[in-house]
Amino acid sequence: MVGWRAKLGFLVPAGTPTVEPEMFEMAPKGVSVHFGRMISRGADGTLNGIEARIATQIEHLDESVEMLSMIKPEVIALAHTATSYYLGRQKEADLTKRLEDRFGLHFITAFGSVITALNELGITKVALGTPYDENLTMQGKQNLESYGIEVVKFDWLRNVRSIFEEPPNRAYRLGKSVDVPGAQAVFLSGVGMPTISIVGALEQDLGKPVISSSSAMMWNALRLAGVSPVLPGYGSLLA
């Protein structure tokens, strides 16, 4: 830890090109970010076979955490929101506790970080936008509702060949399209969808908090590592 205020670890799908640059961009001075690749088979980023890939990632998650824990980070974050939708609230809580107990560090998920952020901001009604299909989007909606969060409107991107190939402007337009007056905030789900570059601008345009899986994950990781999560330009959560 000499010379570093904190080390953060992120477990990402094998094929994602988006998470690393976004986390590097957001990391404050003195915080190092490190990445481990989860074990899965198939074309990451596509919706075809996603449940099978998630199951494989979970099956090998202990190995992935063990490898990344060798650098002794304060926090390891599971950078894959859809895993939480696949698991559901209780199984995710059980998995988180088991890994924390085994490895003696903070283990968080992207979706769990979103819930923590919404609670921190006092938000109980959201508009949800995802890069998934209807089925996985509905799972996300149900997960939010299991925590007492009302989803007043939701929608998903159409014609997604790969989540990782989606441009930031599509995420921006999705956020604008799902916003309604009854939503206290907009939640853009999916770590693989690039959101960090548009969160601040979208929030200014909508006049309400905009939270993405990535922004919430970094915010939560920093605060658990004992670093003030103040990063101007990435929305009110990090302001």
Protein backbone atom coordinates (compact mmCIF):
# COMPACT_ATOMS: atom_id res chain seq x y z
CA MET A 1 0.00 0.00 0.00
CA VAL A 2 3.04 2.30 0.09
CA GLY A 3 2.26 5.31 -2.08
CA TRP A 4 -1.38 4.36 -2.59
CA ARG A 5 -4.41 5.53 -0.67
CA ALA A 6 -6.42 2.51 -1.78
CA LYS A 7 -6.55 -0.38 -4.22
CA LEU A 8 -9.77 -1.31 -5.95
CA GLY A 9 -10.38 -4.58 -7.79
CA PHE A 10 -12.99 -5.11 -10.50
CA LEU A 11 -14.12 -8.48 -11.87
CA VAL A 12 -15.26 -8.05 -15.46
CA PRO A 13 -16.58 -10.36 -18.20
CA ALA A 14 -13.87 -11.82 -20.37
CA GLY A 15 -14.71 -9.85 -23.50
CA THR A 16 -15.62 -6.39 -22.23
CA PRO A 17 -13.60 -3.45 -23.59
CA THR A 18 -15.53 -0.73 -21.72
CA VAL A 19 -15.12 -1.18 -17.97
CA GLU A 20 -11.37 -0.63 -17.68
CA PRO A 21 -11.16 2.79 -19.40
CA GLU A 22 -14.20 4.07 -17.46
CA MET A 23 -12.80 3.01 -14.09
CA PHE A 24 -9.35 4.39 -14.95
CA GLU A 25 -10.96 7.67 -15.97
CA MET A 26 -12.88 7.98 -12.70
CA ALA A 27 -10.22 6.81 -10.25
CA PRO A 28 -9.00 9.74 -8.11
CA LYS A 29 -5.32 10.42 -7.58
CA GLY A 30 -3.74 7.88 -5.28
CA VAL A 31 -6.29 5.15 -6.00
CA SER A 32 -5.13 2.24 -8.13
CA VAL A 33 -7.60 0.10 -10.06
CA HIS A 34 -7.00 -3.51 -11.02
CA PHE A 35 -8.98 -5.96 -13.10
CA GLY A 36 -9.65 -9.67 -13.18
CA ARG A 37 -11.43 -11.54 -15.96
CA MET A 38 -14.26 -13.85 -15.03
CA ILE A 39 -14.39 -17.32 -16.56
CA SER A 40 -17.11 -17.85 -19.14
CA ARG A 41 -17.66 -19.27 -22.60
CA GLY A 42 -19.35 -17.71 -25.57
CA ALA A 43 -19.50 -14.21 -26.99
CA ASP A 44 -19.61 -11.75 -24.09
CA GLY A 45 -21.71 -8.67 -24.71
CA THR A 46 -24.39 -10.50 -26.68
CA LEU A 47 -27.73 -11.54 -25.23
CA ASN A 48 -27.62 -15.00 -26.78
CA GLY A 49 -26.59 -17.49 -24.11
CA ILE A 50 -26.18 -14.83 -21.42
CA GLU A 51 -27.71 -16.95 -18.66
CA ALA A 52 -25.33 -19.83 -19.39
CA ARG A 53 -22.37 -17.42 -19.30
CA ILE A 54 -23.54 -15.95 -16.00
CA ALA A 55 -23.90 -19.44 -14.51
CA THR A 56 -20.34 -20.27 -15.54
CA GLN A 57 -19.02 -17.02 -14.10
CA ILE A 58 -20.71 -17.73 -10.78
CA GLU A 59 -19.45 -21.32 -10.76
CA HIS A 60 -15.86 -20.06 -11.01
CA LEU A 61 -16.28 -16.86 -9.01
CA ASP A 62 -14.24 -18.05 -6.03
CA GLU A 63 -11.28 -18.67 -8.35
CA SER A 64 -11.67 -15.23 -9.91
CA VAL A 65 -11.85 -13.50 -6.52
CA GLU A 66 -8.89 -15.50 -5.23
CA MET A 67 -6.70 -14.38 -8.13
CA LEU A 68 -7.66 -10.71 -7.83
CA SER A 69 -7.31 -10.75 -4.03
CA MET A 70 -3.58 -11.43 -4.41
CA ILE A 71 -2.98 -7.70 -4.94
CA LYS A 72 -4.70 -7.10 -1.57
CA PRO A 73 -7.40 -4.62 -2.59
CA GLU A 74 -9.70 -3.09 -0.01
CA VAL A 75 -12.68 -3.79 -2.25
CA ILE A 76 -13.51 -6.19 -5.08
CA ALA A 77 -16.50 -5.26 -7.22
CA LEU A 78 -18.42 -7.62 -9.48
CA ALA A 79 -18.76 -5.45 -12.58
CA HIS A 80 -21.71 -7.24 -14.15
CA THR A 81 -25.19 -5.99 -13.31
CA ALA A 82 -27.03 -8.83 -15.03
CA THR A 83 -25.52 -11.32 -12.57
CA SER A 84 -27.60 -9.72 -9.81
CA TYR A 85 -30.73 -10.01 -11.93
CA TYR A 86 -29.97 -13.69 -12.51
CA LEU A 87 -29.36 -14.39 -8.81
CA GLY A 88 -32.12 -12.34 -7.21
CA ARG A 89 -31.88 -10.49 -3.91
CA GLN A 90 -31.34 -13.32 -1.42
CA LYS A 91 -28.88 -15.39 -3.46
CA GLU A 92 -26.82 -12.27 -4.15
CA ALA A 93 -26.74 -11.42 -0.43
CA ASP A 94 -25.67 -14.99 0.39
CA LEU A 95 -22.93 -14.92 -2.25
CA THR A 96 -21.63 -11.55 -1.09
CA LYS A 97 -21.42 -12.63 2.56
CA ARG A 98 -19.72 -15.92 1.73
CA LEU A 99 -17.02 -14.25 -0.37
CA GLU A 100 -16.42 -11.51 2.19
CA ASP A 101 -16.08 -14.10 4.96
CA ARG A 102 -13.73 -16.27 2.92
CA PHE A 103 -11.43 -13.55 1.60
CA GLY A 104 -11.63 -10.95 4.35
CA LEU A 105 -12.38 -7.94 2.15
CA HIS A 106 -15.32 -5.90 0.93
CA PHE A 107 -17.08 -7.67 -1.94
CA ILE A 108 -19.72 -5.64 -3.74
CA THR A 109 -21.80 -5.90 -6.89
CA ALA A 110 -22.68 -3.22 -9.40
CA PHE A 111 -26.40 -3.62 -8.73
CA GLY A 112 -25.94 -3.73 -4.95
CA SER A 113 -24.04 -0.46 -5.29
CA VAL A 114 -27.00 1.06 -7.16
CA ILE A 115 -29.35 0.09 -4.32
CA THR A 116 -26.97 1.58 -1.76
CA ALA A 117 -26.72 4.78 -3.83
CA LEU A 118 -30.49 5.12 -4.20
CA ASN A 119 -30.89 4.70 -0.44
CA GLU A 120 -28.17 7.28 0.18
CA LEU A 121 -30.00 9.80 -2.05
CA GLY A 122 -33.41 8.97 -0.56
CA ILE A 123 -34.76 7.86 -3.93
CA THR A 124 -37.72 5.46 -4.03
CA LYS A 125 -39.01 5.99 -7.59
CA VAL A 126 -36.86 5.51 -10.68
CA ALA A 127 -37.01 5.29 -14.44
CA LEU A 128 -35.02 2.31 -15.73
CA GLY A 129 -33.15 1.99 -19.02
CA THR A 130 -31.18 -1.09 -20.06
CA PRO A 131 -29.26 -2.48 -23.06
CA TYR A 132 -30.86 -5.90 -22.49
CA ASP A 133 -33.91 -7.62 -23.94
CA GLU A 134 -37.40 -7.49 -22.47
CA ASN A 135 -36.94 -10.56 -20.26
CA LEU A 136 -33.71 -9.41 -18.59
CA THR A 137 -35.07 -5.88 -18.25
CA MET A 138 -38.10 -7.26 -16.42
CA GLN A 139 -35.76 -9.15 -14.09
CA GLY A 140 -33.99 -5.86 -13.35
CA LYS A 141 -37.32 -4.18 -12.66
CA GLN A 142 -38.34 -6.99 -10.30
CA ASN A 143 -35.02 -6.80 -8.48
CA LEU A 144 -35.44 -3.06 -7.91
CA GLU A 145 -38.96 -3.65 -6.62
CA SER A 146 -37.72 -6.32 -4.21
CA TYR A 147 -35.78 -3.52 -2.47
CA GLY A 148 -38.85 -1.26 -2.32
CA ILE A 149 -37.86 0.84 -5.35
CA GLU A 150 -40.82 1.71 -7.59
CA VAL A 151 -40.05 1.60 -11.31
CA VAL A 152 -42.36 4.21 -12.82
CA LYS A 153 -41.17 3.64 -16.41
CA PHE A 154 -38.74 1.28 -18.11
CA ASP A 155 -37.45 0.51 -21.57
CA TRP A 156 -34.55 -1.18 -23.32
CA LEU A 157 -32.40 -0.58 -26.37
CA ARG A 158 -33.50 -2.32 -29.55
CA ASN A 159 -31.27 -4.05 -32.11
CA VAL A 160 -28.30 -4.50 -29.77
CA ARG A 161 -25.70 -6.68 -31.48
CA SER A 162 -23.26 -6.36 -28.57
CA ILE A 163 -23.68 -4.25 -25.45
CA PHE A 164 -19.97 -3.41 -25.62
CA GLU A 165 -20.35 -1.87 -29.08
CA GLU A 166 -23.11 0.56 -28.07
CA PRO A 167 -22.04 4.24 -28.37
CA PRO A 168 -22.54 6.61 -25.42
CA ASN A 169 -25.12 8.67 -27.32
CA ARG A 170 -27.47 5.68 -27.39
CA ALA A 171 -27.25 5.49 -23.59
CA TYR A 172 -27.95 9.24 -23.44
CA ARG A 173 -31.03 8.97 -25.66
CA LEU A 174 -32.27 5.98 -23.67
CA GLY A 175 -32.02 7.96 -20.45
CA LYS A 176 -34.01 10.84 -21.94
CA SER A 177 -36.66 8.52 -23.35
CA VAL A 178 -37.43 6.74 -20.06
CA ASP A 179 -37.56 9.87 -17.91
CA VAL A 180 -41.00 10.90 -16.67
CA PRO A 181 -42.05 13.53 -14.08
CA GLY A 182 -42.86 10.83 -11.51
CA ALA A 183 -39.29 9.47 -11.51
CA GLN A 184 -36.99 10.90 -8.85
CA ALA A 185 -33.96 9.57 -10.73
CA VAL A 186 -32.95 7.71 -13.88
CA PHE A 187 -31.03 4.44 -13.56
CA LEU A 188 -29.06 3.22 -16.58
CA SER A 189 -28.31 -0.45 -16.00
CA GLY A 190 -25.46 -2.43 -17.50
CA VAL A 191 -21.77 -1.90 -16.78
CA GLY A 192 -20.89 -2.85 -20.36
CA MET A 193 -22.94 0.01 -21.80
CA PRO A 194 -20.72 3.13 -21.83
CA THR A 195 -22.35 5.71 -19.56
CA ILE A 196 -19.63 7.56 -17.67
CA SER A 197 -19.07 10.18 -20.35
CA ILE A 198 -22.78 11.11 -20.50
CA VAL A 199 -24.03 10.85 -16.90
CA GLY A 200 -23.20 14.44 -15.97
CA ALA A 201 -24.67 15.99 -19.12
CA LEU A 202 -27.81 13.86 -18.98
CA GLU A 203 -28.36 14.80 -15.34
CA GLN A 204 -28.07 18.50 -16.16
CA ASP A 205 -30.56 18.13 -19.02
CA LEU A 206 -33.09 16.18 -16.96
CA GLY A 207 -32.68 18.17 -13.75
CA LYS A 208 -32.58 15.04 -11.58
CA PRO A 209 -30.03 12.43 -10.50
CA VAL A 210 -28.81 9.98 -13.11
CA ILE A 211 -27.13 6.86 -11.80
CA SER A 212 -25.46 4.19 -13.89
CA SER A 213 -24.19 0.81 -12.81
CA SER A 214 -20.62 2.05 -13.35
CA SER A 215 -20.95 5.34 -11.46
CA ALA A 216 -22.61 3.64 -8.50
CA MET A 217 -20.00 0.89 -8.44
CA MET A 218 -17.09 3.34 -8.30
CA TRP A 219 -18.85 5.48 -5.68
CA ASN A 220 -19.48 2.48 -3.46
CA ALA A 221 -15.99 1.05 -3.89
CA LEU A 222 -14.34 4.35 -2.97
CA ARG A 223 -16.39 4.92 0.16
CA LEU A 224 -15.81 1.36 1.40
CA ALA A 225 -12.08 1.81 0.78
CA GLY A 226 -12.14 4.91 2.98
CA VAL A 227 -11.69 7.40 0.12
CA SER A 228 -14.07 10.32 -0.22
CA PRO A 229 -16.13 9.55 -3.35
CA VAL A 230 -16.16 13.09 -4.70
CA LEU A 231 -15.63 13.11 -8.46
CA PRO A 232 -17.09 16.23 -10.13
CA GLY A 233 -18.54 15.77 -13.57
CA TYR A 234 -20.08 12.35 -13.03
CA GLY A 235 -23.43 13.32 -11.59
CA SER A 236 -24.75 14.30 -8.18
CA LEU A 237 -23.95 10.93 -6.61
CA LEU A 238 -20.24 11.65 -7.03
CA ALA A 239 -20.43 15.43 -6.68
